[in-house]
C-alpha cells in the first residue's frame, strides 16, 4: 500500500528511549526527521535525506542519560523497494548506567 506523507513511525530503542521518524516530501524528495525522546524529554534530532543519507558519531545527552548514534542510515522508497531508516549505537538509562547497544530498523515505508 502506498504511503501518505507525512508518514510517522515510532520505535522503542533501549533504556526507555523512543525514536520517532517523520518522513515527508521536500522538493519532491523524501526526507526523514528522527527525534529521540525519553521520559525526561527530547534527547535530540537527526535529519536524513538522499543528499545526506547517513549520520555518524552523534551524541545526545539529557541529564545523566546519554544516547550515542554510531550510524544512522536512510534509504528512500523507490519503485518496488521500500524506504527505511536504520540506527546503531548505544545508550545509558536515565541514571547514566546500564549502557546497552542497539542496532535496529526504526522505520520503513513504500511508494
Foldseek 3Di string as FASTA:
>chain_A
DADDPQDWFWDDWPQQKIWIWTWHADPNWTKIKIWIAHPQGTFDIDIATPVRFKDAFDWTDDQLKIWTWHMWGWDPADDARKIWIWTWTWIAHNVNDDIDTGTGIRDIGHD
